[in-house]
Amino acid sequence: MNEIDKHRRKWLALGSAAMGIAFLPGRAFATLSTPRPRILVVNNLNTGETLKTEFFDGKRYNKDELARLNHLFRDYRAEKVKAIDPALFDHLYRLQVMLGGTNKPVQLISGYRSLATNNSMREPGSGVAKHSYHTLGQAMDFHIQGIELSNIRKAALKMRMGGVGYYPRSNFVHIDTGPARTW
């Protein structure tokens, strides 16, 4: 009977350990809960500007760096800047962690769009939404240099946070901080 109790305890311990591991947050989410700086390198393909920024210092967002990111994500057509939801930068940072901690530049195709710009881009078959999260400063279209677009999409879907759009013909993925959905 004593031998059975030893085996039962081992199985219970192994089962408990397995359950504990299963319920631990993913690597990307664990990274955000650890107080460490969050750094992004973003290249705006439309303006040619590149920015390397530590937008979060491990304890709080850096307002000056967020302002620099807001400028980079501006509507370059109308030269309008809007405050971008910092959660979008967090999503992007998490995504890079999920993709192996890549420090390859994010290639920004579209960030903030004014209503006028968004409306001018709307034409049948364009895929531009009338009530786009881009106009709220809560969305971006991008790819990451050297990373397969399908892998970026898979990682974004795995996060289950916000919207994820996949546009392989146009070579970009869309992410936003709205409700979780996909297209």
N, C-alpha and C. Protein backbone atom coordinates (compact mmCIF):
# COMPACT_ATOMS: atom_id res chain seq x y z
N MET A 1 0.82 -1.19 0.00
CA MET A 1 0.00 0.00 0.00
C MET A 1 0.86 1.26 0.00
N ASN A 2 1.98 1.24 0.72
CA ASN A 2 2.89 2.36 0.79
C ASN A 2 3.47 2.69 -0.59
N GLU A 3 3.76 1.64 -1.37
CA GLU A 3 4.31 1.81 -2.72
C GLU A 3 3.28 2.50 -3.64
N ILE A 4 2.03 2.16 -3.49
CA ILE A 4 0.97 2.77 -4.30
C ILE A 4 0.85 4.25 -3.96
N ASP A 5 0.93 4.60 -2.69
CA ASP A 5 0.86 6.00 -2.28
C ASP A 5 2.00 6.82 -2.88
N LYS A 6 3.20 6.25 -2.96
CA LYS A 6 4.35 6.94 -3.55
C LYS A 6 4.08 7.24 -5.02
N HIS A 7 3.58 6.24 -5.76
CA HIS A 7 3.30 6.43 -7.18
C HIS A 7 2.17 7.43 -7.39
N ARG A 8 1.15 7.36 -6.57
CA ARG A 8 0.03 8.28 -6.66
C ARG A 8 0.52 9.72 -6.43
N ARG A 9 1.36 9.90 -5.44
CA ARG A 9 1.90 11.23 -5.15
C ARG A 9 2.74 11.76 -6.31
N LYS A 10 3.54 10.87 -6.91
CA LYS A 10 4.34 11.29 -8.06
C LYS A 10 3.44 11.75 -9.20
N TRP A 11 2.40 10.97 -9.50
CA TRP A 11 1.49 11.32 -10.59
C TRP A 11 0.73 12.61 -10.28
N LEU A 12 0.32 12.77 -9.05
CA LEU A 12 -0.35 14.00 -8.66
C LEU A 12 0.58 15.21 -8.79
N ALA A 13 1.82 15.03 -8.38
CA ALA A 13 2.81 16.12 -8.49
C ALA A 13 3.07 16.46 -9.95
N LEU A 14 3.25 15.44 -10.79
CA LEU A 14 3.48 15.68 -12.22
C LEU A 14 2.27 16.34 -12.87
N GLY A 15 1.09 15.86 -12.52
CA GLY A 15 -0.14 16.44 -13.07
C GLY A 15 -0.30 17.89 -12.65
N SER A 16 -0.02 18.18 -11.39
CA SER A 16 -0.12 19.56 -10.89
C SER A 16 0.88 20.46 -11.60
N ALA A 17 2.08 19.97 -11.79
CA ALA A 17 3.11 20.76 -12.49
C ALA A 17 2.68 21.03 -13.93
N ALA A 18 2.15 20.02 -14.59
CA ALA A 18 1.70 20.19 -15.98
C ALA A 18 0.57 21.21 -16.06
N MET A 19 -0.37 21.13 -15.13
CA MET A 19 -1.48 22.09 -15.12
C MET A 19 -0.96 23.49 -14.85
N GLY A 20 -0.02 23.62 -13.95
CA GLY A 20 0.55 24.93 -13.64
C GLY A 20 1.22 25.55 -14.85
N ILE A 21 1.96 24.75 -15.58
CA ILE A 21 2.64 25.23 -16.79
C ILE A 21 1.61 25.63 -17.83
N ALA A 22 0.57 24.85 -17.98
CA ALA A 22 -0.47 25.13 -18.97
C ALA A 22 -1.16 26.46 -18.70
N PHE A 23 -1.30 26.81 -17.42
CA PHE A 23 -1.99 28.04 -17.07
C PHE A 23 -1.08 29.26 -16.98
N LEU A 24 0.22 29.07 -17.12
CA LEU A 24 1.12 30.22 -17.10
C LEU A 24 0.88 31.06 -18.35
N PRO A 25 1.01 32.37 -18.25
CA PRO A 25 0.84 33.20 -19.43
C PRO A 25 1.94 32.91 -20.45
N GLY A 26 1.60 33.14 -21.69
CA GLY A 26 2.57 32.93 -22.76
C GLY A 26 3.77 33.82 -22.60
N ARG A 27 4.81 33.49 -23.34
CA ARG A 27 6.06 34.24 -23.26
C ARG A 27 5.85 35.73 -23.51
N ALA A 28 4.99 36.05 -24.47
CA ALA A 28 4.76 37.46 -24.80
C ALA A 28 4.10 38.20 -23.65
N PHE A 29 3.15 37.56 -22.99
CA PHE A 29 2.45 38.23 -21.90
C PHE A 29 3.32 38.28 -20.66
N ALA A 30 4.12 37.26 -20.43
CA ALA A 30 5.04 37.26 -19.30
C ALA A 30 6.05 38.40 -19.46
N THR A 31 6.45 38.67 -20.69
CA THR A 31 7.39 39.74 -20.95
C THR A 31 6.82 41.08 -20.52
N LEU A 32 5.52 41.29 -20.74
CA LEU A 32 4.92 42.56 -20.36
C LEU A 32 4.78 42.69 -18.85
N SER A 33 4.63 41.59 -18.16
CA SER A 33 4.47 41.67 -16.71
C SER A 33 5.82 41.84 -16.01
N THR A 34 6.90 41.59 -16.71
CA THR A 34 8.23 41.77 -16.16
C THR A 34 8.64 43.22 -16.38
N PRO A 35 9.06 43.92 -15.35
CA PRO A 35 9.43 45.32 -15.53
C PRO A 35 10.73 45.47 -16.31
N ARG A 36 10.59 45.59 -17.60
CA ARG A 36 11.76 45.80 -18.45
C ARG A 36 11.39 46.78 -19.56
N PRO A 37 12.37 47.45 -20.11
CA PRO A 37 12.10 48.41 -21.19
C PRO A 37 11.51 47.72 -22.41
N ARG A 38 10.66 48.44 -23.11
CA ARG A 38 10.09 47.98 -24.37
C ARG A 38 10.62 48.89 -25.47
N ILE A 39 11.28 48.25 -26.41
CA ILE A 39 11.94 49.00 -27.49
C ILE A 39 11.37 48.56 -28.82
N LEU A 40 11.13 49.53 -29.70
CA LEU A 40 10.69 49.26 -31.06
C LEU A 40 11.60 49.98 -32.04
N VAL A 41 11.78 49.36 -33.19
CA VAL A 41 12.43 50.02 -34.32
C VAL A 41 11.40 50.00 -35.44
N VAL A 42 10.99 51.19 -35.87
CA VAL A 42 9.93 51.32 -36.87
C VAL A 42 10.42 52.18 -38.02
N ASN A 43 10.17 51.71 -39.23
CA ASN A 43 10.50 52.44 -40.45
C ASN A 43 9.20 52.77 -41.15
N ASN A 44 8.92 54.06 -41.35
CA ASN A 44 7.74 54.48 -42.09
C ASN A 44 8.08 54.42 -43.57
N LEU A 45 7.49 53.47 -44.28
CA LEU A 45 7.82 53.27 -45.69
C LEU A 45 7.41 54.43 -46.58
N ASN A 46 6.42 55.22 -46.14
CA ASN A 46 5.94 56.34 -46.96
C ASN A 46 6.80 57.59 -46.83
N THR A 47 7.41 57.78 -45.68
CA THR A 47 8.21 59.00 -45.46
C THR A 47 9.71 58.74 -45.43
N GLY A 48 10.08 57.46 -45.30
CA GLY A 48 11.50 57.11 -45.21
C GLY A 48 12.10 57.32 -43.83
N GLU A 49 11.29 57.74 -42.86
CA GLU A 49 11.77 57.99 -41.51
C GLU A 49 11.89 56.67 -40.74
N THR A 50 12.92 56.58 -39.91
CA THR A 50 13.12 55.43 -39.05
C THR A 50 13.29 55.92 -37.62
N LEU A 51 12.71 55.18 -36.70
CA LEU A 51 12.77 55.55 -35.29
C LEU A 51 13.07 54.32 -34.45
N LYS A 52 14.08 54.43 -33.60
CA LYS A 52 14.33 53.42 -32.58
C LYS A 52 13.96 54.09 -31.27
N THR A 53 13.06 53.47 -30.53
CA THR A 53 12.55 54.12 -29.34
C THR A 53 12.30 53.15 -28.20
N GLU A 54 12.62 53.60 -27.00
CA GLU A 54 12.25 52.90 -25.77
C GLU A 54 11.01 53.62 -25.25
N PHE A 55 9.84 53.16 -25.66
CA PHE A 55 8.60 53.86 -25.35
C PHE A 55 8.07 53.54 -23.95
N PHE A 56 8.62 52.50 -23.33
CA PHE A 56 8.23 52.12 -21.97
C PHE A 56 9.52 51.77 -21.25
N ASP A 57 9.77 52.38 -20.09
CA ASP A 57 11.06 52.21 -19.42
C ASP A 57 11.10 51.07 -18.40
N GLY A 58 10.03 50.31 -18.32
CA GLY A 58 9.96 49.23 -17.35
C GLY A 58 8.98 49.53 -16.24
N LYS A 59 8.65 50.82 -16.10
CA LYS A 59 7.70 51.23 -15.06
C LYS A 59 6.56 52.08 -15.63
N ARG A 60 6.89 52.89 -16.62
CA ARG A 60 5.88 53.79 -17.17
C ARG A 60 6.22 54.13 -18.62
N TYR A 61 5.19 54.62 -19.31
CA TYR A 61 5.40 55.06 -20.70
C TYR A 61 6.21 56.35 -20.69
N ASN A 62 7.07 56.49 -21.69
CA ASN A 62 7.87 57.68 -21.86
C ASN A 62 7.10 58.62 -22.79
N LYS A 63 6.58 59.73 -22.26
CA LYS A 63 5.73 60.64 -23.03
C LYS A 63 6.45 61.22 -24.24
N ASP A 64 7.73 61.54 -24.10
CA ASP A 64 8.48 62.09 -25.23
C ASP A 64 8.61 61.07 -26.35
N GLU A 65 8.86 59.82 -25.99
CA GLU A 65 9.00 58.78 -27.00
C GLU A 65 7.66 58.44 -27.65
N LEU A 66 6.59 58.48 -26.85
CA LEU A 66 5.25 58.29 -27.44
C LEU A 66 4.95 59.40 -28.44
N ALA A 67 5.36 60.63 -28.13
CA ALA A 67 5.16 61.75 -29.06
C ALA A 67 5.93 61.52 -30.35
N ARG A 68 7.14 60.98 -30.24
CA ARG A 68 7.93 60.67 -31.44
C ARG A 68 7.24 59.59 -32.27
N LEU A 69 6.71 58.56 -31.59
CA LEU A 69 5.97 57.51 -32.30
C LEU A 69 4.70 58.08 -32.95
N ASN A 70 3.99 58.95 -32.23
CA ASN A 70 2.79 59.58 -32.80
C ASN A 70 3.13 60.32 -34.09
N HIS A 71 4.26 61.02 -34.09
CA HIS A 71 4.69 61.75 -35.29
C HIS A 71 5.01 60.77 -36.43
N LEU A 72 5.69 59.70 -36.11
CA LEU A 72 6.04 58.70 -37.14
C LEU A 72 4.78 58.05 -37.72
N PHE A 73 3.78 57.82 -36.89
CA PHE A 73 2.53 57.16 -37.30
C PHE A 73 1.51 58.16 -37.88
N ARG A 74 1.90 59.41 -38.06
CA ARG A 74 0.99 60.46 -38.51
C ARG A 74 0.39 60.16 -39.88
N ASP A 75 -0.67 60.89 -40.20
CA ASP A 75 -1.23 60.88 -41.55
C ASP A 75 -0.33 61.77 -42.39
N TYR A 76 0.60 61.17 -43.11
CA TYR A 76 1.59 61.94 -43.87
C TYR A 76 0.94 62.67 -45.05
N ARG A 77 -0.21 62.19 -45.51
CA ARG A 77 -0.89 62.85 -46.64
C ARG A 77 -1.44 64.21 -46.21
N ALA A 78 -2.01 64.26 -45.01
CA ALA A 78 -2.61 65.49 -44.50
C ALA A 78 -1.70 66.19 -43.49
N GLU A 79 -0.55 65.56 -43.17
CA GLU A 79 0.37 66.08 -42.15
C GLU A 79 -0.37 66.34 -40.83
N LYS A 80 -1.17 65.34 -40.41
CA LYS A 80 -1.89 65.44 -39.14
C LYS A 80 -1.38 64.36 -38.20
N VAL A 81 -1.15 64.77 -36.96
CA VAL A 81 -0.66 63.87 -35.92
C VAL A 81 -1.79 63.64 -34.93
N LYS A 82 -1.93 62.42 -34.49
CA LYS A 82 -2.92 62.08 -33.47
C LYS A 82 -2.24 61.18 -32.44
N ALA A 83 -2.68 61.26 -31.21
CA ALA A 83 -2.14 60.38 -30.17
C ALA A 83 -2.55 58.94 -30.51
N ILE A 84 -1.56 58.09 -30.66
CA ILE A 84 -1.80 56.68 -30.95
C ILE A 84 -1.99 55.96 -29.62
N ASP A 85 -2.93 55.03 -29.59
CA ASP A 85 -3.19 54.24 -28.40
C ASP A 85 -1.91 53.49 -28.03
N PRO A 86 -1.33 53.73 -26.85
CA PRO A 86 -0.10 53.03 -26.45
C PRO A 86 -0.25 51.51 -26.45
N ALA A 87 -1.47 51.02 -26.30
CA ALA A 87 -1.70 49.57 -26.35
C ALA A 87 -1.33 49.01 -27.72
N LEU A 88 -1.41 49.82 -28.77
CA LEU A 88 -1.00 49.36 -30.10
C LEU A 88 0.50 49.07 -30.12
N PHE A 89 1.28 49.93 -29.48
CA PHE A 89 2.72 49.71 -29.40
C PHE A 89 3.03 48.48 -28.54
N ASP A 90 2.24 48.30 -27.47
CA ASP A 90 2.39 47.09 -26.65
C ASP A 90 2.10 45.84 -27.48
N HIS A 91 1.03 45.88 -28.28
CA HIS A 91 0.69 44.73 -29.14
C HIS A 91 1.86 44.41 -30.07
N LEU A 92 2.41 45.46 -30.67
CA LEU A 92 3.51 45.28 -31.61
C LEU A 92 4.73 44.70 -30.90
N TYR A 93 5.01 45.19 -29.70
CA TYR A 93 6.13 44.68 -28.93
C TYR A 93 5.91 43.20 -28.59
N ARG A 94 4.70 42.85 -28.11
CA ARG A 94 4.37 41.45 -27.81
C ARG A 94 4.56 40.57 -29.03
N LEU A 95 4.10 41.07 -30.15
CA LEU A 95 4.20 40.33 -31.40
C LEU A 95 5.65 40.02 -31.73
N GLN A 96 6.51 41.00 -31.58
CA GLN A 96 7.93 40.77 -31.85
C GLN A 96 8.51 39.75 -30.88
N VAL A 97 8.10 39.78 -29.62
CA VAL A 97 8.57 38.80 -28.65
C VAL A 97 8.12 37.40 -29.08
N MET A 98 6.86 37.29 -29.51
CA MET A 98 6.35 35.99 -29.96
C MET A 98 7.09 35.47 -31.18
N LEU A 99 7.60 36.38 -31.98
CA LEU A 99 8.33 36.00 -33.19
C LEU A 99 9.81 35.76 -32.90
N GLY A 100 10.12 35.52 -31.65
CA GLY A 100 11.49 35.18 -31.29
C GLY A 100 12.31 36.35 -30.82
N GLY A 101 11.66 37.43 -30.41
CA GLY A 101 12.41 38.58 -29.90
C GLY A 101 13.13 39.33 -31.00
N THR A 102 12.59 39.24 -32.19
CA THR A 102 13.25 39.89 -33.31
C THR A 102 13.42 41.38 -33.07
N ASN A 103 14.55 41.88 -33.46
CA ASN A 103 14.77 43.32 -33.39
C ASN A 103 14.85 43.90 -34.80
N LYS A 104 14.27 43.14 -35.74
CA LYS A 104 14.23 43.61 -37.12
C LYS A 104 13.23 44.75 -37.22
N PRO A 105 13.49 45.70 -38.08
CA PRO A 105 12.60 46.87 -38.17
C PRO A 105 11.19 46.50 -38.61
N VAL A 106 10.23 47.15 -37.98
CA VAL A 106 8.84 47.07 -38.39
C VAL A 106 8.68 48.03 -39.56
N GLN A 107 8.10 47.56 -40.64
CA GLN A 107 7.90 48.39 -41.82
C GLN A 107 6.46 48.90 -41.80
N LEU A 108 6.27 50.14 -41.35
CA LEU A 108 4.94 50.74 -41.22
C LEU A 108 4.44 51.19 -42.58
N ILE A 109 3.26 50.72 -42.94
CA ILE A 109 2.63 51.13 -44.19
C ILE A 109 1.57 52.18 -43.92
N SER A 110 0.79 51.97 -42.86
CA SER A 110 -0.25 52.94 -42.52
C SER A 110 -0.49 52.92 -41.02
N GLY A 111 -0.50 54.10 -40.44
CA GLY A 111 -0.83 54.26 -39.02
C GLY A 111 -2.10 55.07 -38.92
N TYR A 112 -1.99 56.27 -38.36
CA TYR A 112 -3.16 57.14 -38.25
C TYR A 112 -3.56 57.65 -39.62
N ARG A 113 -4.89 57.72 -39.84
CA ARG A 113 -5.43 58.34 -41.05
C ARG A 113 -6.55 59.28 -40.63
N SER A 114 -6.49 60.51 -41.08
CA SER A 114 -7.57 61.46 -40.81
C SER A 114 -8.83 60.96 -41.52
N LEU A 115 -9.97 61.46 -41.11
CA LEU A 115 -11.23 61.07 -41.77
C LEU A 115 -11.19 61.40 -43.26
N ALA A 116 -10.65 62.58 -43.59
CA ALA A 116 -10.58 62.99 -44.99
C ALA A 116 -9.72 62.02 -45.80
N THR A 117 -8.56 61.65 -45.25
CA THR A 117 -7.68 60.70 -45.94
C THR A 117 -8.36 59.35 -46.05
N ASN A 118 -8.95 58.89 -44.97
CA ASN A 118 -9.62 57.58 -44.99
C ASN A 118 -10.72 57.57 -46.04
N ASN A 119 -11.53 58.62 -46.08
CA ASN A 119 -12.62 58.68 -47.06
C ASN A 119 -12.10 58.73 -48.49
N SER A 120 -10.98 59.41 -48.70
CA SER A 120 -10.42 59.49 -50.06
C SER A 120 -9.86 58.13 -50.52
N MET A 121 -9.51 57.29 -49.56
CA MET A 121 -8.96 55.96 -49.89
C MET A 121 -10.06 54.92 -50.11
N ARG A 122 -11.29 55.25 -49.69
CA ARG A 122 -12.39 54.30 -49.79
C ARG A 122 -12.93 54.25 -51.21
N GLU A 123 -12.76 53.13 -51.82
CA GLU A 123 -13.35 52.88 -53.13
C GLU A 123 -13.72 51.41 -53.18
N PRO A 124 -14.64 51.03 -54.03
CA PRO A 124 -15.05 49.62 -54.08
C PRO A 124 -13.85 48.67 -54.22
N GLY A 125 -13.83 47.68 -53.36
CA GLY A 125 -12.76 46.67 -53.42
C GLY A 125 -11.45 47.08 -52.76
N SER A 126 -11.41 48.28 -52.19
CA SER A 126 -10.15 48.75 -51.60
C SER A 126 -9.89 48.13 -50.23
N GLY A 127 -10.95 47.70 -49.55
CA GLY A 127 -10.79 47.12 -48.22
C GLY A 127 -10.66 48.17 -47.12
N VAL A 128 -10.83 49.44 -47.46
CA VAL A 128 -10.74 50.51 -46.46
C VAL A 128 -12.12 50.68 -45.82
N ALA A 129 -12.18 50.49 -44.51
CA ALA A 129 -13.45 50.57 -43.78
C ALA A 129 -13.88 52.02 -43.56
N LYS A 130 -15.19 52.24 -43.59
CA LYS A 130 -15.73 53.58 -43.35
C LYS A 130 -15.41 54.05 -41.94
N HIS A 131 -15.57 53.17 -40.96
CA HIS A 131 -15.29 53.50 -39.56
C HIS A 131 -14.01 52.78 -39.13
N SER A 132 -12.92 53.13 -39.76
CA SER A 132 -11.64 52.46 -39.55
C SER A 132 -11.01 52.83 -38.20
N TYR A 133 -10.40 51.85 -37.58
CA TYR A 133 -9.65 52.11 -36.34
C TYR A 133 -8.41 52.97 -36.62
N HIS A 134 -8.00 53.06 -37.88
CA HIS A 134 -6.89 53.96 -38.24
C HIS A 134 -7.26 55.41 -37.89
N THR A 135 -8.54 55.77 -38.08
CA THR A 135 -8.95 57.15 -37.82
C THR A 135 -9.01 57.48 -36.33
N LEU A 136 -8.94 56.46 -35.50
CA LEU A 136 -8.95 56.65 -34.05
C LEU A 136 -7.55 56.56 -33.43
N GLY A 137 -6.57 56.29 -34.28
CA GLY A 137 -5.21 56.11 -33.76
C GLY A 137 -5.05 54.78 -33.05
N GLN A 138 -5.80 53.77 -33.51
CA GLN A 138 -5.78 52.47 -32.85
C GLN A 138 -5.44 51.33 -33.80
N ALA A 139 -4.84 51.63 -34.96
CA ALA A 139 -4.56 50.57 -35.93
C ALA A 139 -3.30 50.87 -36.72
N MET A 140 -2.74 49.80 -37.24
CA MET A 140 -1.58 49.94 -38.13
C MET A 140 -1.55 48.80 -39.13
N ASP A 141 -0.99 49.09 -40.30
CA ASP A 141 -0.72 48.09 -41.33
C ASP A 141 0.79 48.02 -41.47
N PHE A 142 1.35 46.81 -41.51
CA PHE A 142 2.80 46.69 -41.47
C PHE A 142 3.25 45.29 -41.91
N HIS A 143 4.53 45.17 -42.08
CA HIS A 143 5.20 43.87 -42.13
C HIS A 143 6.54 44.06 -41.41
N ILE A 144 7.20 42.94 -41.14
CA ILE A 144 8.48 43.01 -40.45
C ILE A 144 9.54 42.44 -41.37
N GLN A 145 10.55 43.22 -41.60
CA GLN A 145 11.63 42.85 -42.50
C GLN A 145 12.19 41.48 -42.14
N GLY A 146 12.21 40.57 -43.11
CA GLY A 146 12.81 39.26 -42.91
C GLY A 146 11.92 38.23 -42.24
N ILE A 147 10.67 38.57 -41.91
CA ILE A 147 9.74 37.63 -41.27
C ILE A 147 8.61 37.35 -42.25
N GLU A 148 8.31 36.06 -42.45
CA GLU A 148 7.22 35.68 -43.34
C GLU A 148 5.92 36.32 -42.87
N LEU A 149 5.18 36.91 -43.79
CA LEU A 149 3.92 37.56 -43.47
C LEU A 149 2.95 36.60 -42.80
N SER A 150 2.91 35.37 -43.26
CA SER A 150 2.00 34.38 -42.66
C SER A 150 2.37 34.10 -41.21
N ASN A 151 3.65 34.16 -40.88
CA ASN A 151 4.08 33.95 -39.49
C ASN A 151 3.68 35.13 -38.60
N ILE A 152 3.72 36.33 -39.15
CA ILE A 152 3.28 37.51 -38.41
C ILE A 152 1.79 37.37 -38.11
N ARG A 153 1.03 36.97 -39.11
CA ARG A 153 -0.42 36.78 -38.94
C ARG A 153 -0.70 35.72 -37.86
N LYS A 154 -0.02 34.59 -37.95
CA LYS A 154 -0.24 33.51 -36.98
C LYS A 154 0.04 33.98 -35.56
N ALA A 155 1.12 34.71 -35.38
CA ALA A 155 1.48 35.21 -34.05
C ALA A 155 0.44 36.22 -33.56
N ALA A 156 -0.02 37.09 -34.45
CA ALA A 156 -1.04 38.08 -34.06
C ALA A 156 -2.34 37.39 -33.68
N LEU A 157 -2.72 36.36 -34.41
CA LEU A 157 -3.95 35.62 -34.08
C LEU A 157 -3.82 34.91 -32.75
N LYS A 158 -2.64 34.39 -32.49
CA LYS A 158 -2.40 33.66 -31.24
C LYS A 158 -2.55 34.58 -30.02
N MET A 159 -2.27 35.86 -30.18
CA MET A 159 -2.38 36.81 -29.08
C MET A 159 -3.84 37.04 -28.67
N ARG A 160 -4.77 36.87 -29.63
CA ARG A 160 -6.20 37.07 -29.37
C ARG A 160 -6.49 38.43 -28.74
N MET A 161 -5.89 39.44 -29.31
CA MET A 161 -6.09 40.79 -28.81
C MET A 161 -6.32 41.73 -29.99
N GLY A 162 -7.47 42.32 -30.05
CA GLY A 162 -7.76 43.27 -31.12
C GLY A 162 -7.99 42.60 -32.46
N GLY A 163 -8.13 43.42 -33.49
CA GLY A 163 -8.38 42.92 -34.83
C GLY A 163 -7.10 42.54 -35.55
N VAL A 164 -7.22 41.52 -36.39
CA VAL A 164 -6.09 41.07 -37.21
C VAL A 164 -6.60 40.88 -38.64
N GLY A 165 -6.06 41.66 -39.54
CA GLY A 165 -6.39 41.53 -40.96
C GLY A 165 -5.17 41.04 -41.71
N TYR A 166 -5.41 40.21 -42.72
CA TYR A 166 -4.30 39.61 -43.48
C TYR A 166 -4.46 39.98 -44.94
N TYR A 167 -3.45 40.66 -45.49
CA TYR A 167 -3.47 41.15 -46.87
C TYR A 167 -2.21 40.69 -47.60
N PRO A 168 -2.11 39.40 -47.93
CA PRO A 168 -0.88 38.90 -48.55
C PRO A 168 -0.58 39.52 -49.92
N ARG A 169 -1.60 39.87 -50.68
CA ARG A 169 -1.35 40.49 -52.01
C ARG A 169 -0.71 41.87 -51.86
N SER A 170 -1.07 42.56 -50.79
CA SER A 170 -0.51 43.89 -50.55
C SER A 170 0.67 43.85 -49.59
N ASN A 171 1.04 42.67 -49.12
CA ASN A 171 2.18 42.43 -48.25
C ASN A 171 2.11 43.17 -46.91
N PHE A 172 0.95 43.05 -46.24
CA PHE A 172 0.89 43.60 -44.89
C PHE A 172 -0.13 42.86 -44.04
N VAL A 173 0.06 43.04 -42.73
CA VAL A 173 -0.88 42.57 -41.72
C VAL A 173 -1.41 43.82 -41.03
N HIS A 174 -2.68 43.79 -40.70
CA HIS A 174 -3.32 44.89 -39.96
C HIS A 174 -3.53 44.40 -38.53
N ILE A 175 -3.17 45.23 -37.56
CA ILE A 175 -3.55 44.96 -36.17
C ILE A 175 -4.19 46.22 -35.61
N ASP A 176 -5.11 46.03 -34.66
CA ASP A 176 -5.71 47.18 -34.00
C ASP A 176 -6.06 46.82 -32.57
N THR A 177 -6.45 47.83 -31.81
CA THR A 177 -6.78 47.63 -30.39
C THR A 177 -8.28 47.57 -30.16
N GLY A 178 -9.04 47.32 -31.20
CA GLY A 178 -10.49 47.15 -31.07
C GLY A 178 -10.81 45.75 -30.55
N PRO A 179 -12.08 45.34 -30.68
CA PRO A 179 -12.46 44.00 -30.24
C PRO A 179 -11.72 42.93 -31.04
N ALA A 180 -11.52 41.76 -30.42
CA ALA A 180 -10.85 40.66 -31.11
C ALA A 180 -11.72 40.17 -32.26
N ARG A 181 -11.16 40.14 -33.47
CA ARG A 181 -11.82 39.68 -34.67
C ARG A 181 -10.77 39.45 -35.73
N THR A 182 -11.14 38.79 -36.81
CA THR A 182 -10.16 38.50 -37.85
C THR A 182 -10.81 38.52 -39.22
N TRP A 183 -10.03 38.83 -40.24
CA TRP A 183 -10.47 38.80 -41.62
C TRP A 183 -9.30 38.58 -42.54
